Amino acid sequence: MDLQPGSSRADRRKKISRVVVGSVTVRIYHGINQVAGRDYPQHTVVYHETDGRRVRRRFNDLADAKQEAEQIAMRLSRRQASILSLSDDDRAFYAQATELLKPFNKPLNLAVEEYVGALRLLPPGVRLHDAVAEFANRFRQVRETKPIPSLVTEFIASKEKAGLSDRHLADLKSRLVPFAEAFGIPPNELTGPALQEYLDGMRKSSRTRLNHWRHIVTMLRWSVRRKLAPRELLEELEAVERPRVESGAIGIWKPAEFAEILEATRHFRPDLLAWITLA
């Protein structure tokens, strides 16, 4: 172990000293910390953990800072020595793994942690490569990723340009705006169970819920056609069970009842008399 003062001109200007143990160097930056207008010495121990993290620890007492730096340098040196004591094959594997991770700027231990965490999420027998490839393929199908509220806004705007009536547009807004408020996520995150829960949770009649669902399906299919949503979303839509609407009994007007209708129409809406007669 060797405690070295800063030797370069920059080091002297910054007042840096070093604790060196083997190939490990821990720096101590010496400065001043002002508190309530008074100057106090401050010594900052700076080092890099084996996972690449840069760590800083501040001390008011120089002796405490030196002691901490020495302990850290010895710990890191022992860890490096344990790595060097690996077998030739182990060192080769380690070197190969770190080289593969260089483009991603990720240390080996975090890469292994992430890999193991991903494996735990997969069903038995499914390879991580296959799952990631499927996920990437779904995203390639989408030209642009937008949240559901943006898709609803664009869909309604397209219908306005198509010249739909104000009544139809108002109906679209009344049914799709609540859907957009409930799902502020991209369409690729929509699932059949989530859609089913939304549909079943509506406190409305079966006919009203079915009308809501038809508008939602139309909007989502429109998004798929314009490559704003993945095609797999269509499978999620098919998995949703639609509300059942019971058909009402078919009634037949008697001649006297129909005559009463015509008479009322002649008095109150004569412009509809010919239409009702033909209908």
Protein backbone atom coordinates (compact mmCIF):
# COMPACT_ATOMS: atom_id res chain seq x y z
CA MET A 1 0.00 0.00 0.00
CA ASP A 2 1.33 3.40 -0.95
CA LEU A 3 -0.08 6.88 -0.24
CA GLN A 4 1.06 9.18 -3.05
CA PRO A 5 0.47 12.93 -3.38
CA GLY A 6 -0.63 14.23 -6.75
CA SER A 7 2.38 14.65 -8.98
CA SER A 8 1.02 16.36 -12.08
CA ARG A 9 0.37 20.08 -12.34
CA ALA A 10 -3.39 19.41 -12.55
CA ASP A 11 -3.26 17.19 -9.47
CA ARG A 12 -1.39 19.84 -7.45
CA ARG A 13 -3.96 22.45 -8.46
CA LYS A 14 -6.85 20.19 -7.42
CA LYS A 15 -5.03 18.91 -4.28
CA ILE A 16 -5.38 15.20 -4.91
CA SER A 17 -3.66 12.35 -3.12
CA ARG A 18 -3.83 8.65 -3.97
CA VAL A 19 -3.90 5.35 -2.11
CA VAL A 20 -2.40 2.59 -4.27
CA VAL A 21 -2.68 -1.13 -3.51
CA GLY A 22 -1.42 -3.35 -6.29
CA SER A 23 -3.12 -2.16 -9.47
CA VAL A 24 -5.94 -0.42 -7.57
CA THR A 25 -5.89 3.35 -7.10
CA VAL A 26 -8.27 5.27 -4.83
CA ARG A 27 -8.17 9.07 -5.05
CA ILE A 28 -8.75 11.59 -2.26
CA TYR A 29 -9.78 15.08 -3.36
CA HIS A 30 -9.00 17.78 -0.78
CA GLY A 31 -11.14 20.92 -0.70
CA ILE A 32 -13.11 23.38 1.35
CA ASN A 33 -16.77 23.21 2.35
CA GLN A 34 -18.52 26.40 3.44
CA VAL A 35 -21.16 26.18 6.19
CA ALA A 36 -22.83 29.33 7.55
CA GLY A 37 -20.06 31.46 6.08
CA ARG A 38 -17.24 29.45 7.67
CA ASP A 39 -14.72 27.27 5.80
CA TYR A 40 -14.24 23.65 6.79
CA PRO A 41 -11.88 21.09 5.24
CA GLN A 42 -13.53 18.40 3.16
CA HIS A 43 -11.85 15.27 1.82
CA THR A 44 -13.68 13.22 -0.85
CA VAL A 45 -12.73 9.58 -1.45
CA VAL A 46 -13.46 8.63 -5.07
CA TYR A 47 -13.19 5.12 -6.55
CA HIS A 48 -14.85 2.75 -9.05
CA GLU A 49 -16.59 -0.42 -7.93
CA THR A 50 -16.03 -3.62 -9.91
CA ASP A 51 -19.38 -3.13 -11.67
CA GLY A 52 -18.20 0.23 -13.03
CA ARG A 53 -20.11 2.48 -10.62
CA ARG A 54 -18.27 5.64 -9.54
CA VAL A 55 -18.58 6.14 -5.78
CA ARG A 56 -17.86 9.27 -3.71
CA ARG A 57 -17.58 9.47 0.09
CA ARG A 58 -16.94 12.74 1.94
CA PHE A 59 -15.06 13.20 5.23
CA ASN A 60 -14.21 16.20 7.38
CA ASP A 61 -11.20 14.52 8.97
CA LEU A 62 -8.23 13.67 6.72
CA ALA A 63 -7.26 10.64 8.83
CA ASP A 64 -10.74 9.14 8.41
CA ALA A 65 -10.59 9.72 4.65
CA LYS A 66 -7.17 8.02 4.39
CA GLN A 67 -8.32 5.05 6.48
CA GLU A 68 -11.43 4.60 4.33
CA ALA A 69 -9.40 4.88 1.11
CA GLU A 70 -6.94 2.25 2.34
CA GLN A 71 -9.71 -0.21 3.25
CA ILE A 72 -11.42 0.29 -0.11
CA ALA A 73 -8.17 -0.16 -2.04
CA MET A 74 -7.36 -3.36 -0.16
CA ARG A 75 -10.87 -4.76 -0.72
CA LEU A 76 -10.82 -4.01 -4.45
CA SER A 77 -7.30 -5.40 -4.77
CA ARG A 78 -8.34 -8.68 -3.12
CA ARG A 79 -11.32 -8.90 -5.48
CA GLN A 80 -9.06 -8.40 -8.51
CA ALA A 81 -6.69 -11.03 -7.18
CA SER A 82 -9.57 -13.52 -6.88
CA ILE A 83 -10.44 -12.88 -10.50
CA LEU A 84 -6.84 -13.40 -11.57
CA SER A 85 -6.81 -16.72 -9.70
CA LEU A 86 -9.43 -18.13 -12.06
CA SER A 87 -8.53 -20.99 -14.33
CA ASP A 88 -7.37 -20.31 -17.87
CA ASP A 89 -10.79 -21.29 -19.24
CA ASP A 90 -12.62 -19.11 -16.72
CA ARG A 91 -10.47 -16.10 -17.55
CA ALA A 92 -11.10 -16.69 -21.25
CA PHE A 93 -14.86 -16.85 -20.66
CA TYR A 94 -14.71 -13.69 -18.57
CA ALA A 95 -12.71 -11.82 -21.20
CA GLN A 96 -15.06 -12.99 -23.97
CA ALA A 97 -18.17 -11.95 -22.01
CA THR A 98 -16.85 -8.48 -21.18
CA GLU A 99 -15.80 -7.97 -24.81
CA LEU A 100 -19.32 -8.89 -26.03
CA LEU A 101 -20.84 -6.40 -23.57
CA LYS A 102 -18.64 -3.46 -24.58
CA PRO A 103 -21.04 -2.09 -27.25
CA PHE A 104 -23.83 -1.98 -24.64
CA ASN A 105 -21.75 -0.32 -21.89
CA LYS A 106 -23.05 -2.84 -19.34
CA PRO A 107 -20.91 -4.62 -16.71
CA LEU A 108 -20.94 -8.41 -16.64
CA ASN A 109 -22.69 -8.81 -13.28
CA LEU A 110 -25.62 -6.58 -14.30
CA ALA A 111 -25.91 -8.37 -17.65
CA VAL A 112 -26.15 -11.74 -15.89
CA GLU A 113 -28.70 -10.36 -13.43
CA GLU A 114 -30.84 -9.04 -16.28
CA TYR A 115 -30.54 -12.31 -18.20
CA VAL A 116 -31.58 -14.43 -15.22
CA GLY A 117 -34.49 -12.08 -14.47
CA ALA A 118 -35.74 -12.42 -18.05
CA LEU A 119 -35.50 -16.23 -17.93
CA ARG A 120 -37.65 -16.31 -14.80
CA LEU A 121 -40.45 -14.53 -16.67
CA LEU A 122 -40.53 -17.08 -19.52
CA PRO A 123 -42.64 -20.24 -19.52
CA PRO A 124 -40.69 -23.51 -19.28
CA GLY A 125 -39.09 -24.54 -22.56
CA VAL A 126 -39.19 -21.08 -24.17
CA ARG A 127 -35.83 -19.65 -25.21
CA LEU A 128 -35.06 -16.04 -24.39
CA HIS A 129 -33.85 -15.46 -27.95
CA ASP A 130 -37.20 -16.63 -29.38
CA ALA A 131 -39.19 -14.43 -26.99
CA VAL A 132 -37.12 -11.35 -27.83
CA ALA A 133 -37.34 -12.08 -31.57
CA GLU A 134 -41.13 -12.29 -31.34
CA PHE A 135 -41.26 -9.04 -29.39
CA ALA A 136 -39.02 -7.29 -31.94
CA ASN A 137 -41.14 -8.63 -34.81
CA ARG A 138 -44.26 -7.11 -33.27
CA PHE A 139 -42.61 -3.72 -33.04
CA ARG A 140 -41.39 -3.90 -36.65
CA GLN A 141 -45.01 -4.17 -37.75
CA VAL A 142 -45.76 -0.78 -36.22
CA ARG A 143 -44.80 2.30 -38.21
CA GLU A 144 -45.15 4.63 -35.23
CA THR A 145 -45.94 3.97 -31.59
CA LYS A 146 -48.58 6.25 -30.09
CA PRO A 147 -50.72 5.96 -26.94
CA ILE A 148 -54.40 5.08 -27.22
CA PRO A 149 -55.61 8.67 -26.56
CA SER A 150 -53.62 9.93 -29.58
CA LEU A 151 -55.04 7.15 -31.76
CA VAL A 152 -58.59 8.04 -30.72
CA THR A 153 -57.98 11.70 -31.57
CA GLU A 154 -56.59 10.83 -35.01
CA PHE A 155 -59.41 8.36 -35.68
CA ILE A 156 -62.12 10.91 -34.92
CA ALA A 157 -60.28 13.54 -36.99
CA SER A 158 -60.21 11.14 -39.96
CA LYS A 159 -63.98 10.64 -39.68
CA GLU A 160 -64.49 14.40 -39.59
CA LYS A 161 -62.52 14.71 -42.82
CA ALA A 162 -64.61 11.89 -44.30
CA GLY A 163 -67.71 14.05 -43.78
CA LEU A 164 -69.55 12.03 -41.15
CA SER A 165 -72.55 13.74 -39.60
CA ASP A 166 -72.26 15.70 -36.36
CA ARG A 167 -74.51 13.17 -34.68
CA HIS A 168 -72.27 10.27 -35.69
CA LEU A 169 -69.13 12.15 -34.57
CA ALA A 170 -70.73 12.97 -31.24
CA ASP A 171 -71.57 9.28 -30.80
CA LEU A 172 -67.97 8.31 -31.55
CA LYS A 173 -66.61 10.79 -29.02
CA SER A 174 -69.04 9.75 -26.29
CA ARG A 175 -67.91 6.12 -26.59
CA LEU A 176 -64.21 6.41 -27.46
CA VAL A 177 -63.11 9.25 -25.17
CA PRO A 178 -63.86 7.21 -21.99
CA PHE A 179 -61.94 4.31 -23.54
CA ALA A 180 -58.95 6.59 -24.18
CA GLU A 181 -59.10 7.86 -20.60
CA ALA A 182 -59.05 4.28 -19.29
CA PHE A 183 -56.09 3.19 -21.44
CA GLY A 184 -53.27 5.71 -21.66
CA ILE A 185 -50.91 3.03 -23.02
CA PRO A 186 -49.61 2.07 -26.49
CA PRO A 187 -51.88 -0.40 -28.34
CA ASN A 188 -49.22 -3.14 -28.26
CA GLU A 189 -49.77 -3.32 -24.49
CA LEU A 190 -53.49 -3.96 -24.80
CA THR A 191 -54.56 -7.48 -23.87
CA GLY A 192 -57.76 -9.42 -24.24
CA PRO A 193 -58.27 -9.77 -20.47
CA ALA A 194 -57.79 -6.01 -19.95
CA LEU A 195 -60.33 -5.22 -22.66
CA GLN A 196 -62.74 -7.79 -21.24
CA GLU A 197 -62.45 -6.22 -17.79
CA TYR A 198 -63.14 -2.77 -19.22
CA LEU A 199 -66.20 -4.00 -21.13
CA ASP A 200 -67.62 -5.98 -18.22
CA GLY A 201 -67.04 -3.09 -15.83
CA MET A 202 -69.31 -0.71 -17.71
CA ARG A 203 -72.49 -0.12 -15.73
CA LYS A 204 -74.70 0.04 -18.77
CA SER A 205 -77.15 -2.17 -20.60
CA SER A 206 -75.92 -4.98 -22.82
CA ARG A 207 -77.02 -3.08 -25.93
CA THR A 208 -75.10 0.05 -24.85
CA ARG A 209 -71.97 -1.93 -23.97
CA LEU A 210 -72.14 -3.69 -27.33
CA ASN A 211 -72.37 -0.36 -29.14
CA HIS A 212 -69.34 0.89 -27.20
CA TRP A 213 -67.42 -2.25 -28.09
CA ARG A 214 -68.19 -1.96 -31.81
CA HIS A 215 -66.75 1.56 -31.94
CA ILE A 216 -63.65 0.44 -29.99
CA VAL A 217 -63.07 -2.46 -32.39
CA THR A 218 -63.50 -0.19 -35.40
CA MET A 219 -60.97 2.28 -34.03
CA LEU A 220 -58.40 -0.41 -33.18
CA ARG A 221 -58.77 -2.11 -36.58
CA TRP A 222 -58.24 1.29 -38.18
CA SER A 223 -55.02 1.62 -36.16
CA VAL A 224 -53.79 -1.78 -37.34
CA ARG A 225 -54.48 -0.94 -41.00
CA ARG A 226 -52.39 2.22 -40.66
CA LYS A 227 -49.58 0.32 -38.90
CA LEU A 228 -50.09 2.24 -35.69
CA ALA A 229 -50.83 -1.01 -33.83
CA PRO A 230 -49.50 -4.60 -34.24
CA ARG A 231 -51.58 -7.19 -36.09
CA GLU A 232 -51.53 -9.40 -32.99
CA LEU A 233 -53.97 -6.93 -31.46
CA LEU A 234 -56.67 -8.42 -33.71
CA GLU A 235 -56.24 -11.75 -31.90
CA GLU A 236 -56.69 -9.99 -28.56
CA LEU A 237 -59.93 -8.46 -29.85
CA GLU A 238 -61.23 -11.86 -30.93
CA ALA A 239 -60.64 -13.20 -27.43
CA VAL A 240 -63.11 -10.72 -25.90
CA GLU A 241 -66.61 -12.06 -25.23
CA ARG A 242 -69.22 -9.64 -26.54
CA PRO A 243 -72.30 -8.70 -24.51
CA ARG A 244 -75.39 -10.71 -25.43
CA VAL A 245 -78.38 -8.71 -26.52
CA GLU A 246 -81.73 -10.47 -26.42
CA SER A 247 -83.92 -9.80 -29.44
CA GLY A 248 -87.28 -8.27 -28.60
CA ALA A 249 -90.55 -9.81 -29.65
CA ILE A 250 -91.72 -8.82 -33.13
CA GLY A 251 -95.04 -7.00 -33.01
CA ILE A 252 -97.66 -6.61 -35.76
CA TRP A 253 -99.79 -3.49 -36.00
CA LYS A 254 -103.49 -3.93 -36.49
CA PRO A 255 -105.19 -1.83 -39.21
CA ALA A 256 -106.81 0.41 -36.59
CA GLU A 257 -103.45 1.04 -34.89
CA PHE A 258 -101.76 1.87 -38.17
CA ALA A 259 -104.59 4.22 -39.09
CA GLU A 260 -104.10 6.00 -35.75
CA ILE A 261 -100.40 6.43 -36.52
CA LEU A 262 -101.17 7.90 -39.93
CA GLU A 263 -103.75 10.26 -38.49
CA ALA A 264 -101.32 11.53 -35.82
CA THR A 265 -98.61 11.97 -38.44
CA ARG A 266 -100.99 13.95 -40.69
CA HIS A 267 -101.67 16.39 -37.86
CA PHE A 268 -98.19 16.75 -36.30
CA ARG A 269 -95.65 15.77 -39.01
CA PRO A 270 -97.33 15.80 -42.40
CA ASP A 271 -93.89 15.82 -44.07
CA LEU A 272 -93.37 12.24 -42.81
CA LEU A 273 -96.72 10.87 -43.95
CA ALA A 274 -95.51 9.48 -47.30
CA TRP A 275 -92.32 8.01 -45.70
CA ILE A 276 -94.23 6.19 -42.93
CA THR A 277 -96.79 4.88 -45.41
CA LEU A 278 -94.08 3.38 -47.61
CA ALA A 279 -92.08 2.07 -44.64
